[in-house]
Amino acid sequence: MDAQLSAAGSAPAESDSGESSNLYQDGIVAGTIGATTIAVWFLLLDTIKGRPFYTPTVLGTVLFQRGGTLPSPETLPPSFQLVLVYTWVHWLVFCVIGGVVSRLLVAAERKPDLGFGILLLFVVFEFGFLVAAMLFSEVILRALAWQEILLGNLLAAAAMGGYFWRRHPHLTIRP
């Protein structure tokens, strides 16, 4: 009898552990999809303009430059080290975002009324990012067009959304 109780008592914990593991896995996969999508988008744009790896070099310089004034983005040579470090940080941020979205979607599956709030949160987050870039990083705006940033983020969001849609086929959004 004690064996049955302990087995029954441990089943929910194992189930919760498996669910958490799946949430983390979904977040990492979705984050990788999103980060790769936006990286390929900017690599394509940069290559068409004749300056491969320009965007991650500019963003890495802005992110990691400490003290002093930033160099003019137009004169920045591509830096393989900055591209790698920036790409790593960018991927980590996307994995965190993917993990948060994964958790929110599980909550929305349980309570469909949350779906519209999650969609609204996405819209606010997307445009909040653009407004913050416009207000706080003039260097980025001189180097990169906001339309390119917006389209890249929308492509990444669509790619991640496609992955999540297949992982959560019964998800509904109610206003």
N, C-alpha and C. Protein backbone atom coordinates (compact mmCIF):
# COMPACT_ATOMS: atom_id res chain seq x y z
N MET A 1 0.83 -1.19 0.00
CA MET A 1 0.00 0.00 0.00
C MET A 1 0.86 1.25 0.00
N ASP A 2 1.94 1.26 0.84
CA ASP A 2 2.84 2.40 0.87
C ASP A 2 3.51 2.59 -0.48
N ALA A 3 3.83 1.48 -1.14
CA ALA A 3 4.46 1.56 -2.45
C ALA A 3 3.51 2.22 -3.45
N GLN A 4 2.21 1.90 -3.32
CA GLN A 4 1.24 2.50 -4.23
C GLN A 4 1.11 4.00 -3.97
N LEU A 5 1.11 4.40 -2.70
CA LEU A 5 1.00 5.81 -2.37
C LEU A 5 2.21 6.58 -2.86
N SER A 6 3.40 6.04 -2.64
CA SER A 6 4.59 6.78 -3.07
C SER A 6 4.67 6.83 -4.59
N ALA A 7 4.24 5.76 -5.25
CA ALA A 7 4.25 5.77 -6.71
C ALA A 7 3.24 6.78 -7.22
N ALA A 8 2.06 6.79 -6.60
CA ALA A 8 1.03 7.73 -7.02
C ALA A 8 1.45 9.16 -6.69
N GLY A 9 2.12 9.34 -5.56
CA GLY A 9 2.56 10.68 -5.16
C GLY A 9 3.67 11.22 -6.03
N SER A 10 4.46 10.35 -6.64
CA SER A 10 5.57 10.84 -7.45
C SER A 10 5.17 11.06 -8.91
N ALA A 11 4.04 10.52 -9.31
CA ALA A 11 3.62 10.65 -10.71
C ALA A 11 3.41 12.10 -11.13
N PRO A 12 2.71 12.94 -10.33
CA PRO A 12 2.54 14.33 -10.76
C PRO A 12 3.88 15.07 -10.87
N ALA A 13 4.80 14.79 -9.96
CA ALA A 13 6.09 15.47 -10.02
C ALA A 13 6.84 15.11 -11.29
N GLU A 14 6.78 13.83 -11.67
CA GLU A 14 7.44 13.42 -12.90
C GLU A 14 6.76 14.06 -14.10
N SER A 15 5.43 14.16 -14.08
CA SER A 15 4.68 14.78 -15.16
C SER A 15 5.04 16.26 -15.26
N ASP A 16 5.11 16.96 -14.11
CA ASP A 16 5.48 18.37 -14.11
C ASP A 16 6.89 18.55 -14.64
N SER A 17 7.78 17.65 -14.27
CA SER A 17 9.16 17.73 -14.74
C SER A 17 9.23 17.55 -16.25
N GLY A 18 8.47 16.59 -16.77
CA GLY A 18 8.43 16.36 -18.21
C GLY A 18 7.83 17.54 -18.95
N GLU A 19 6.78 18.15 -18.38
CA GLU A 19 6.15 19.32 -19.00
C GLU A 19 7.12 20.50 -19.02
N SER A 20 7.84 20.71 -17.91
CA SER A 20 8.81 21.79 -17.87
C SER A 20 9.92 21.56 -18.88
N SER A 21 10.36 20.34 -18.99
CA SER A 21 11.40 20.00 -19.96
C SER A 21 10.93 20.30 -21.38
N ASN A 22 9.69 19.95 -21.69
CA ASN A 22 9.13 20.24 -23.01
C ASN A 22 9.02 21.74 -23.25
N LEU A 23 8.65 22.50 -22.20
CA LEU A 23 8.55 23.95 -22.34
C LEU A 23 9.92 24.55 -22.64
N TYR A 24 10.94 24.11 -21.92
CA TYR A 24 12.29 24.61 -22.18
C TYR A 24 12.74 24.23 -23.58
N GLN A 25 12.47 23.01 -23.97
CA GLN A 25 12.86 22.55 -25.31
C GLN A 25 12.15 23.38 -26.37
N ASP A 26 10.85 23.60 -26.21
CA ASP A 26 10.10 24.43 -27.15
C ASP A 26 10.69 25.84 -27.21
N GLY A 27 11.02 26.39 -26.06
CA GLY A 27 11.60 27.74 -26.02
C GLY A 27 12.93 27.81 -26.75
N ILE A 28 13.78 26.81 -26.56
CA ILE A 28 15.09 26.79 -27.22
C ILE A 28 14.92 26.62 -28.73
N VAL A 29 14.05 25.70 -29.13
CA VAL A 29 13.84 25.47 -30.57
C VAL A 29 13.24 26.72 -31.22
N ALA A 30 12.21 27.29 -30.62
CA ALA A 30 11.58 28.49 -31.18
C ALA A 30 12.56 29.65 -31.19
N GLY A 31 13.33 29.80 -30.12
CA GLY A 31 14.33 30.87 -30.07
C GLY A 31 15.38 30.71 -31.15
N THR A 32 15.81 29.49 -31.37
CA THR A 32 16.80 29.21 -32.42
C THR A 32 16.21 29.54 -33.80
N ILE A 33 14.95 29.17 -34.01
CA ILE A 33 14.29 29.48 -35.28
C ILE A 33 14.20 30.99 -35.48
N GLY A 34 13.78 31.71 -34.45
CA GLY A 34 13.65 33.16 -34.55
C GLY A 34 14.99 33.86 -34.75
N ALA A 35 15.98 33.48 -33.97
CA ALA A 35 17.31 34.09 -34.09
C ALA A 35 17.93 33.81 -35.45
N THR A 36 17.76 32.59 -35.93
CA THR A 36 18.31 32.22 -37.24
C THR A 36 17.60 33.00 -38.35
N THR A 37 16.29 33.13 -38.24
CA THR A 37 15.53 33.86 -39.26
C THR A 37 16.01 35.30 -39.38
N ILE A 38 16.13 35.97 -38.25
CA ILE A 38 16.54 37.38 -38.30
C ILE A 38 18.00 37.52 -38.70
N ALA A 39 18.84 36.57 -38.29
CA ALA A 39 20.26 36.62 -38.69
C ALA A 39 20.39 36.43 -40.20
N VAL A 40 19.65 35.49 -40.76
CA VAL A 40 19.70 35.25 -42.21
C VAL A 40 19.14 36.47 -42.95
N TRP A 41 18.07 37.06 -42.42
CA TRP A 41 17.49 38.26 -43.03
C TRP A 41 18.53 39.36 -43.14
N PHE A 42 19.22 39.66 -42.05
CA PHE A 42 20.21 40.74 -42.10
C PHE A 42 21.46 40.35 -42.88
N LEU A 43 21.83 39.09 -42.87
CA LEU A 43 22.95 38.66 -43.71
C LEU A 43 22.62 38.86 -45.18
N LEU A 44 21.39 38.53 -45.56
CA LEU A 44 20.94 38.75 -46.93
C LEU A 44 20.97 40.23 -47.30
N LEU A 45 20.38 41.07 -46.45
CA LEU A 45 20.36 42.51 -46.72
C LEU A 45 21.78 43.07 -46.79
N ASP A 46 22.62 42.69 -45.82
CA ASP A 46 23.99 43.19 -45.79
C ASP A 46 24.77 42.74 -47.03
N THR A 47 24.58 41.51 -47.44
CA THR A 47 25.29 40.98 -48.61
C THR A 47 24.82 41.70 -49.88
N ILE A 48 23.53 41.93 -50.01
CA ILE A 48 22.99 42.67 -51.17
C ILE A 48 23.60 44.07 -51.22
N LYS A 49 23.80 44.69 -50.06
CA LYS A 49 24.37 46.04 -50.00
C LYS A 49 25.90 46.03 -50.12
N GLY A 50 26.48 44.83 -50.21
CA GLY A 50 27.93 44.73 -50.38
C GLY A 50 28.72 44.81 -49.09
N ARG A 51 28.07 44.64 -47.93
CA ARG A 51 28.74 44.69 -46.63
C ARG A 51 28.27 43.55 -45.74
N PRO A 52 28.69 42.31 -46.05
CA PRO A 52 28.26 41.18 -45.21
C PRO A 52 28.70 41.38 -43.76
N PHE A 53 27.85 40.98 -42.84
CA PHE A 53 28.08 41.04 -41.39
C PHE A 53 28.12 42.47 -40.85
N TYR A 54 27.65 43.43 -41.63
CA TYR A 54 27.63 44.82 -41.18
C TYR A 54 26.69 45.00 -39.98
N THR A 55 25.47 44.47 -40.08
CA THR A 55 24.47 44.67 -39.02
C THR A 55 24.93 44.10 -37.67
N PRO A 56 25.37 42.85 -37.57
CA PRO A 56 25.82 42.38 -36.25
C PRO A 56 27.07 43.10 -35.76
N THR A 57 27.90 43.59 -36.67
CA THR A 57 29.07 44.37 -36.24
C THR A 57 28.62 45.68 -35.60
N VAL A 58 27.68 46.37 -36.24
CA VAL A 58 27.17 47.64 -35.69
C VAL A 58 26.47 47.38 -34.36
N LEU A 59 25.58 46.39 -34.31
CA LEU A 59 24.84 46.12 -33.08
C LEU A 59 25.78 45.64 -31.97
N GLY A 60 26.76 44.82 -32.31
CA GLY A 60 27.74 44.38 -31.31
C GLY A 60 28.56 45.53 -30.79
N THR A 61 28.95 46.47 -31.66
CA THR A 61 29.71 47.65 -31.24
C THR A 61 28.88 48.50 -30.28
N VAL A 62 27.61 48.73 -30.63
CA VAL A 62 26.72 49.52 -29.77
C VAL A 62 26.52 48.83 -28.43
N LEU A 63 26.33 47.52 -28.45
CA LEU A 63 26.06 46.77 -27.23
C LEU A 63 27.27 46.65 -26.32
N PHE A 64 28.45 46.44 -26.89
CA PHE A 64 29.62 46.13 -26.07
C PHE A 64 30.62 47.27 -25.94
N GLN A 65 30.43 48.39 -26.65
CA GLN A 65 31.34 49.52 -26.53
C GLN A 65 31.15 50.17 -25.17
N ARG A 66 32.24 50.31 -24.43
CA ARG A 66 32.14 50.92 -23.09
C ARG A 66 32.94 52.21 -23.09
N GLY A 67 32.31 53.28 -22.59
CA GLY A 67 33.01 54.56 -22.47
C GLY A 67 33.36 55.13 -23.84
N GLY A 68 33.66 56.40 -23.85
CA GLY A 68 34.06 57.04 -25.10
C GLY A 68 32.91 57.14 -26.07
N THR A 69 33.21 57.66 -27.22
CA THR A 69 32.18 57.79 -28.24
C THR A 69 32.27 56.61 -29.20
N LEU A 70 31.15 56.28 -29.73
CA LEU A 70 31.11 55.18 -30.69
C LEU A 70 31.65 55.66 -32.04
N PRO A 71 32.37 54.79 -32.72
CA PRO A 71 32.83 55.18 -34.05
C PRO A 71 31.65 55.32 -35.01
N SER A 72 31.88 56.01 -36.10
CA SER A 72 30.84 56.16 -37.10
C SER A 72 30.52 54.79 -37.70
N PRO A 73 29.26 54.41 -37.73
CA PRO A 73 28.90 53.08 -38.25
C PRO A 73 29.34 52.86 -39.69
N GLU A 74 29.38 53.91 -40.47
CA GLU A 74 29.76 53.77 -41.87
C GLU A 74 31.21 53.31 -42.03
N THR A 75 32.05 53.61 -41.04
CA THR A 75 33.48 53.27 -41.16
C THR A 75 33.85 51.98 -40.43
N LEU A 76 32.87 51.33 -39.83
CA LEU A 76 33.18 50.10 -39.09
C LEU A 76 33.53 48.95 -40.03
N PRO A 77 34.70 48.36 -39.83
CA PRO A 77 35.00 47.15 -40.60
C PRO A 77 34.32 45.96 -39.93
N PRO A 78 33.96 44.94 -40.71
CA PRO A 78 33.35 43.75 -40.09
C PRO A 78 34.31 43.15 -39.06
N SER A 79 33.77 42.78 -37.92
CA SER A 79 34.57 42.16 -36.86
C SER A 79 33.99 40.78 -36.57
N PHE A 80 34.76 39.75 -36.92
CA PHE A 80 34.30 38.39 -36.71
C PHE A 80 34.02 38.12 -35.23
N GLN A 81 34.88 38.65 -34.35
CA GLN A 81 34.69 38.46 -32.91
C GLN A 81 33.39 39.11 -32.44
N LEU A 82 33.13 40.36 -32.85
CA LEU A 82 31.88 41.03 -32.47
C LEU A 82 30.66 40.30 -33.04
N VAL A 83 30.78 39.82 -34.27
CA VAL A 83 29.67 39.09 -34.89
C VAL A 83 29.35 37.84 -34.08
N LEU A 84 30.38 37.09 -33.68
CA LEU A 84 30.16 35.87 -32.89
C LEU A 84 29.55 36.17 -31.53
N VAL A 85 30.11 37.14 -30.82
CA VAL A 85 29.61 37.46 -29.47
C VAL A 85 28.20 38.01 -29.55
N TYR A 86 27.95 38.93 -30.49
CA TYR A 86 26.61 39.48 -30.62
C TYR A 86 25.61 38.38 -31.00
N THR A 87 26.00 37.51 -31.92
CA THR A 87 25.11 36.42 -32.35
C THR A 87 24.78 35.50 -31.18
N TRP A 88 25.75 35.22 -30.33
CA TRP A 88 25.53 34.39 -29.15
C TRP A 88 24.52 35.04 -28.20
N VAL A 89 24.72 36.32 -27.91
CA VAL A 89 23.81 37.05 -27.01
C VAL A 89 22.41 37.12 -27.65
N HIS A 90 22.37 37.40 -28.94
CA HIS A 90 21.10 37.48 -29.67
C HIS A 90 20.34 36.16 -29.58
N TRP A 91 21.04 35.05 -29.77
CA TRP A 91 20.43 33.73 -29.68
C TRP A 91 19.90 33.48 -28.27
N LEU A 92 20.69 33.82 -27.25
CA LEU A 92 20.23 33.63 -25.87
C LEU A 92 18.96 34.42 -25.58
N VAL A 93 18.92 35.66 -26.04
CA VAL A 93 17.73 36.49 -25.83
C VAL A 93 16.52 35.87 -26.52
N PHE A 94 16.71 35.38 -27.73
CA PHE A 94 15.60 34.74 -28.44
C PHE A 94 15.15 33.46 -27.73
N CYS A 95 16.08 32.71 -27.16
CA CYS A 95 15.69 31.49 -26.42
C CYS A 95 14.89 31.85 -25.17
N VAL A 96 15.27 32.93 -24.50
CA VAL A 96 14.49 33.37 -23.33
C VAL A 96 13.09 33.80 -23.77
N ILE A 97 13.02 34.58 -24.85
CA ILE A 97 11.71 34.99 -25.37
C ILE A 97 10.90 33.76 -25.77
N GLY A 98 11.53 32.80 -26.43
CA GLY A 98 10.85 31.56 -26.81
C GLY A 98 10.32 30.81 -25.60
N GLY A 99 11.11 30.76 -24.52
CA GLY A 99 10.68 30.09 -23.29
C GLY A 99 9.48 30.78 -22.66
N VAL A 100 9.52 32.11 -22.64
CA VAL A 100 8.39 32.87 -22.07
C VAL A 100 7.13 32.65 -22.90
N VAL A 101 7.28 32.72 -24.21
CA VAL A 101 6.13 32.50 -25.10
C VAL A 101 5.58 31.09 -24.94
N SER A 102 6.48 30.12 -24.82
CA SER A 102 6.05 28.73 -24.63
C SER A 102 5.19 28.60 -23.38
N ARG A 103 5.63 29.19 -22.29
CA ARG A 103 4.86 29.15 -21.04
C ARG A 103 3.51 29.87 -21.19
N LEU A 104 3.53 31.03 -21.85
CA LEU A 104 2.29 31.78 -22.05
C LEU A 104 1.29 31.00 -22.90
N LEU A 105 1.78 30.30 -23.91
CA LEU A 105 0.87 29.52 -24.77
C LEU A 105 0.25 28.35 -24.02
N VAL A 106 1.00 27.73 -23.14
CA VAL A 106 0.44 26.65 -22.33
C VAL A 106 -0.67 27.22 -21.44
N ALA A 107 -0.42 28.41 -20.88
CA ALA A 107 -1.45 29.05 -20.05
C ALA A 107 -2.67 29.41 -20.90
N ALA A 108 -2.45 29.86 -22.13
CA ALA A 108 -3.56 30.22 -23.01
C ALA A 108 -4.36 29.00 -23.45
N GLU A 109 -3.70 27.85 -23.55
CA GLU A 109 -4.44 26.63 -23.89
C GLU A 109 -5.37 26.26 -22.75
N ARG A 110 -4.95 26.49 -21.53
CA ARG A 110 -5.78 26.17 -20.37
C ARG A 110 -6.89 27.20 -20.17
N LYS A 111 -6.56 28.48 -20.45
CA LYS A 111 -7.53 29.57 -20.32
C LYS A 111 -7.53 30.37 -21.62
N PRO A 112 -8.37 30.03 -22.57
CA PRO A 112 -8.36 30.68 -23.89
C PRO A 112 -8.52 32.21 -23.84
N ASP A 113 -9.10 32.73 -22.77
CA ASP A 113 -9.27 34.18 -22.67
C ASP A 113 -7.92 34.91 -22.61
N LEU A 114 -6.86 34.22 -22.24
CA LEU A 114 -5.53 34.83 -22.17
C LEU A 114 -4.92 35.03 -23.56
N GLY A 115 -5.42 34.35 -24.55
CA GLY A 115 -4.84 34.39 -25.90
C GLY A 115 -4.76 35.79 -26.47
N PHE A 116 -5.83 36.55 -26.35
CA PHE A 116 -5.84 37.91 -26.90
C PHE A 116 -4.84 38.79 -26.16
N GLY A 117 -4.74 38.61 -24.86
CA GLY A 117 -3.76 39.38 -24.07
C GLY A 117 -2.34 39.09 -24.50
N ILE A 118 -2.07 37.84 -24.82
CA ILE A 118 -0.73 37.45 -25.28
C ILE A 118 -0.45 38.09 -26.64
N LEU A 119 -1.43 38.09 -27.53
CA LEU A 119 -1.28 38.72 -28.83
C LEU A 119 -1.04 40.22 -28.68
N LEU A 120 -1.77 40.85 -27.81
CA LEU A 120 -1.60 42.28 -27.54
C LEU A 120 -0.21 42.55 -26.95
N LEU A 121 0.24 41.69 -26.05
CA LEU A 121 1.57 41.82 -25.47
C LEU A 121 2.64 41.76 -26.56
N PHE A 122 2.47 40.87 -27.53
CA PHE A 122 3.41 40.77 -28.64
C PHE A 122 3.48 42.08 -29.42
N VAL A 123 2.33 42.65 -29.75
CA VAL A 123 2.29 43.89 -30.52
C VAL A 123 2.97 45.02 -29.74
N VAL A 124 2.66 45.14 -28.46
CA VAL A 124 3.27 46.18 -27.62
C VAL A 124 4.78 45.96 -27.54
N PHE A 125 5.22 44.72 -27.36
CA PHE A 125 6.64 44.41 -27.27
C PHE A 125 7.36 44.76 -28.57
N GLU A 126 6.78 44.40 -29.69
CA GLU A 126 7.38 44.65 -31.00
C GLU A 126 7.59 46.15 -31.23
N PHE A 127 6.54 46.92 -31.04
CA PHE A 127 6.66 48.34 -31.28
C PHE A 127 7.43 49.04 -30.16
N GLY A 128 7.37 48.50 -28.96
CA GLY A 128 8.18 49.04 -27.86
C GLY A 128 9.66 48.91 -28.16
N PHE A 129 10.05 47.79 -28.76
CA PHE A 129 11.45 47.60 -29.15
C PHE A 129 11.87 48.66 -30.16
N LEU A 130 11.03 48.90 -31.16
CA LEU A 130 11.37 49.89 -32.18
C LEU A 130 11.45 51.30 -31.59
N VAL A 131 10.51 51.65 -30.74
CA VAL A 131 10.52 52.98 -30.12
C VAL A 131 11.76 53.13 -29.25
N ALA A 132 12.11 52.11 -28.48
CA ALA A 132 13.32 52.17 -27.64
C ALA A 132 14.56 52.35 -28.50
N ALA A 133 14.63 51.63 -29.61
CA ALA A 133 15.78 51.77 -30.52
C ALA A 133 15.84 53.19 -31.07
N MET A 134 14.69 53.75 -31.39
CA MET A 134 14.66 55.11 -31.94
C MET A 134 15.06 56.15 -30.89
N LEU A 135 14.64 55.95 -29.66
CA LEU A 135 14.91 56.93 -28.62
C LEU A 135 16.32 56.84 -28.05
N PHE A 136 16.82 55.63 -27.88
CA PHE A 136 18.05 55.47 -27.14
C PHE A 136 19.28 55.14 -27.98
N SER A 137 19.10 54.85 -29.21
CA SER A 137 20.26 54.46 -29.99
C SER A 137 20.26 55.11 -31.37
N GLU A 138 20.61 56.37 -31.39
CA GLU A 138 20.69 57.12 -32.63
C GLU A 138 21.68 56.49 -33.60
N VAL A 139 22.76 55.90 -33.05
CA VAL A 139 23.77 55.27 -33.89
C VAL A 139 23.16 54.14 -34.72
N ILE A 140 22.31 53.34 -34.08
CA ILE A 140 21.68 52.23 -34.80
C ILE A 140 20.79 52.76 -35.91
N LEU A 141 20.04 53.81 -35.62
CA LEU A 141 19.13 54.34 -36.62
C LEU A 141 19.86 54.97 -37.79
N ARG A 142 21.04 55.52 -37.54
CA ARG A 142 21.83 56.06 -38.66
C ARG A 142 22.35 54.92 -39.53
N ALA A 143 22.60 53.77 -38.92
CA ALA A 143 23.20 52.65 -39.65
C ALA A 143 22.16 51.71 -40.25
N LEU A 144 21.04 51.53 -39.58
CA LEU A 144 20.04 50.55 -40.01
C LEU A 144 18.69 51.22 -40.18
N ALA A 145 17.97 50.84 -41.19
CA ALA A 145 16.63 51.39 -41.40
C ALA A 145 15.64 50.70 -40.47
N TRP A 146 14.77 51.49 -39.86
CA TRP A 146 13.80 50.91 -38.92
C TRP A 146 12.88 49.93 -39.63
N GLN A 147 12.63 50.17 -40.92
CA GLN A 147 11.76 49.26 -41.67
C GLN A 147 12.40 47.87 -41.78
N GLU A 148 13.72 47.84 -41.96
CA GLU A 148 14.43 46.56 -42.04
C GLU A 148 14.37 45.83 -40.70
N ILE A 149 14.51 46.59 -39.62
CA ILE A 149 14.45 45.99 -38.28
C ILE A 149 13.05 45.43 -38.03
N LEU A 150 12.03 46.23 -38.35
CA LEU A 150 10.64 45.79 -38.14
C LEU A 150 10.34 44.55 -38.97
N LEU A 151 10.71 44.56 -40.24
CA LEU A 151 10.42 43.41 -41.09
C LEU A 151 11.18 42.17 -40.62
N GLY A 152 12.44 42.34 -40.21
CA GLY A 152 13.21 41.22 -39.67
C GLY A 152 12.56 40.63 -38.44
N ASN A 153 12.11 41.50 -37.53
CA ASN A 153 11.45 41.02 -36.31
C ASN A 153 10.13 40.34 -36.63
N LEU A 154 9.40 40.86 -37.60
CA LEU A 154 8.14 40.23 -37.99
C LEU A 154 8.38 38.87 -38.65
N LEU A 155 9.42 38.77 -39.46
CA LEU A 155 9.77 37.47 -40.06
C LEU A 155 10.13 36.45 -38.97
N ALA A 156 10.93 36.89 -37.99
CA ALA A 156 11.32 36.00 -36.90
C ALA A 156 10.08 35.59 -36.09
N ALA A 157 9.21 36.55 -35.81
CA ALA A 157 7.99 36.25 -35.06
C ALA A 157 7.10 35.28 -35.83
N ALA A 158 7.00 35.46 -37.15
CA ALA A 158 6.18 34.55 -37.97
C ALA A 158 6.78 33.15 -37.97
N ALA A 159 8.10 33.05 -38.06
CA ALA A 159 8.74 31.73 -38.05
C ALA A 159 8.53 31.05 -36.70
N MET A 160 8.71 31.80 -35.62
CA MET A 160 8.48 31.23 -34.29
C MET A 160 7.01 30.89 -34.11
N GLY A 161 6.13 31.76 -34.59
CA GLY A 161 4.70 31.51 -34.50
C GLY A 161 4.30 30.25 -35.25
N GLY A 162 4.90 30.03 -36.41
CA GLY A 162 4.62 28.81 -37.17
C GLY A 162 5.01 27.56 -36.39
N TYR A 163 6.17 27.64 -35.74
CA TYR A 163 6.61 26.50 -34.92
C TYR A 163 5.64 26.27 -33.76
N PHE A 164 5.29 27.34 -33.06
CA PHE A 164 4.37 27.19 -31.92
C PHE A 164 2.98 26.75 -32.37
N TRP A 165 2.55 27.21 -33.52
CA TRP A 165 1.22 26.82 -34.03
C TRP A 165 1.15 25.32 -34.24
N ARG A 166 2.25 24.75 -34.76
CA ARG A 166 2.27 23.30 -34.95
C ARG A 166 2.38 22.56 -33.63
N ARG A 167 3.01 23.16 -32.64
CA ARG A 167 3.15 22.52 -31.33
C ARG A 167 1.87 22.65 -30.49
N HIS A 168 1.04 23.66 -30.80
CA HIS A 168 -0.19 23.91 -30.04
C HIS A 168 -1.36 24.03 -31.02
N PRO A 169 -1.75 22.94 -31.68
CA PRO A 169 -2.78 23.03 -32.73
C PRO A 169 -4.17 23.37 -32.21
N HIS A 170 -4.41 23.19 -30.92
CA HIS A 170 -5.74 23.45 -30.38
C HIS A 170 -5.86 24.81 -29.75
N LEU A 171 -4.84 25.63 -29.91
CA LEU A 171 -4.84 26.95 -29.32
C LEU A 171 -5.85 27.85 -30.03
N THR A 172 -6.68 28.55 -29.25
CA THR A 172 -7.63 29.51 -29.81
C THR A 172 -7.41 30.85 -29.14
N ILE A 173 -7.72 31.91 -29.87
CA ILE A 173 -7.57 33.25 -29.34
C ILE A 173 -8.95 33.88 -29.32
N ARG A 174 -9.36 34.27 -28.14
CA ARG A 174 -10.67 34.91 -27.99
C ARG A 174 -10.47 36.35 -27.56
N PRO A 175 -11.11 37.32 -28.26
CA PRO A 175 -11.01 38.73 -27.84
C PRO A 175 -11.83 39.00 -26.60
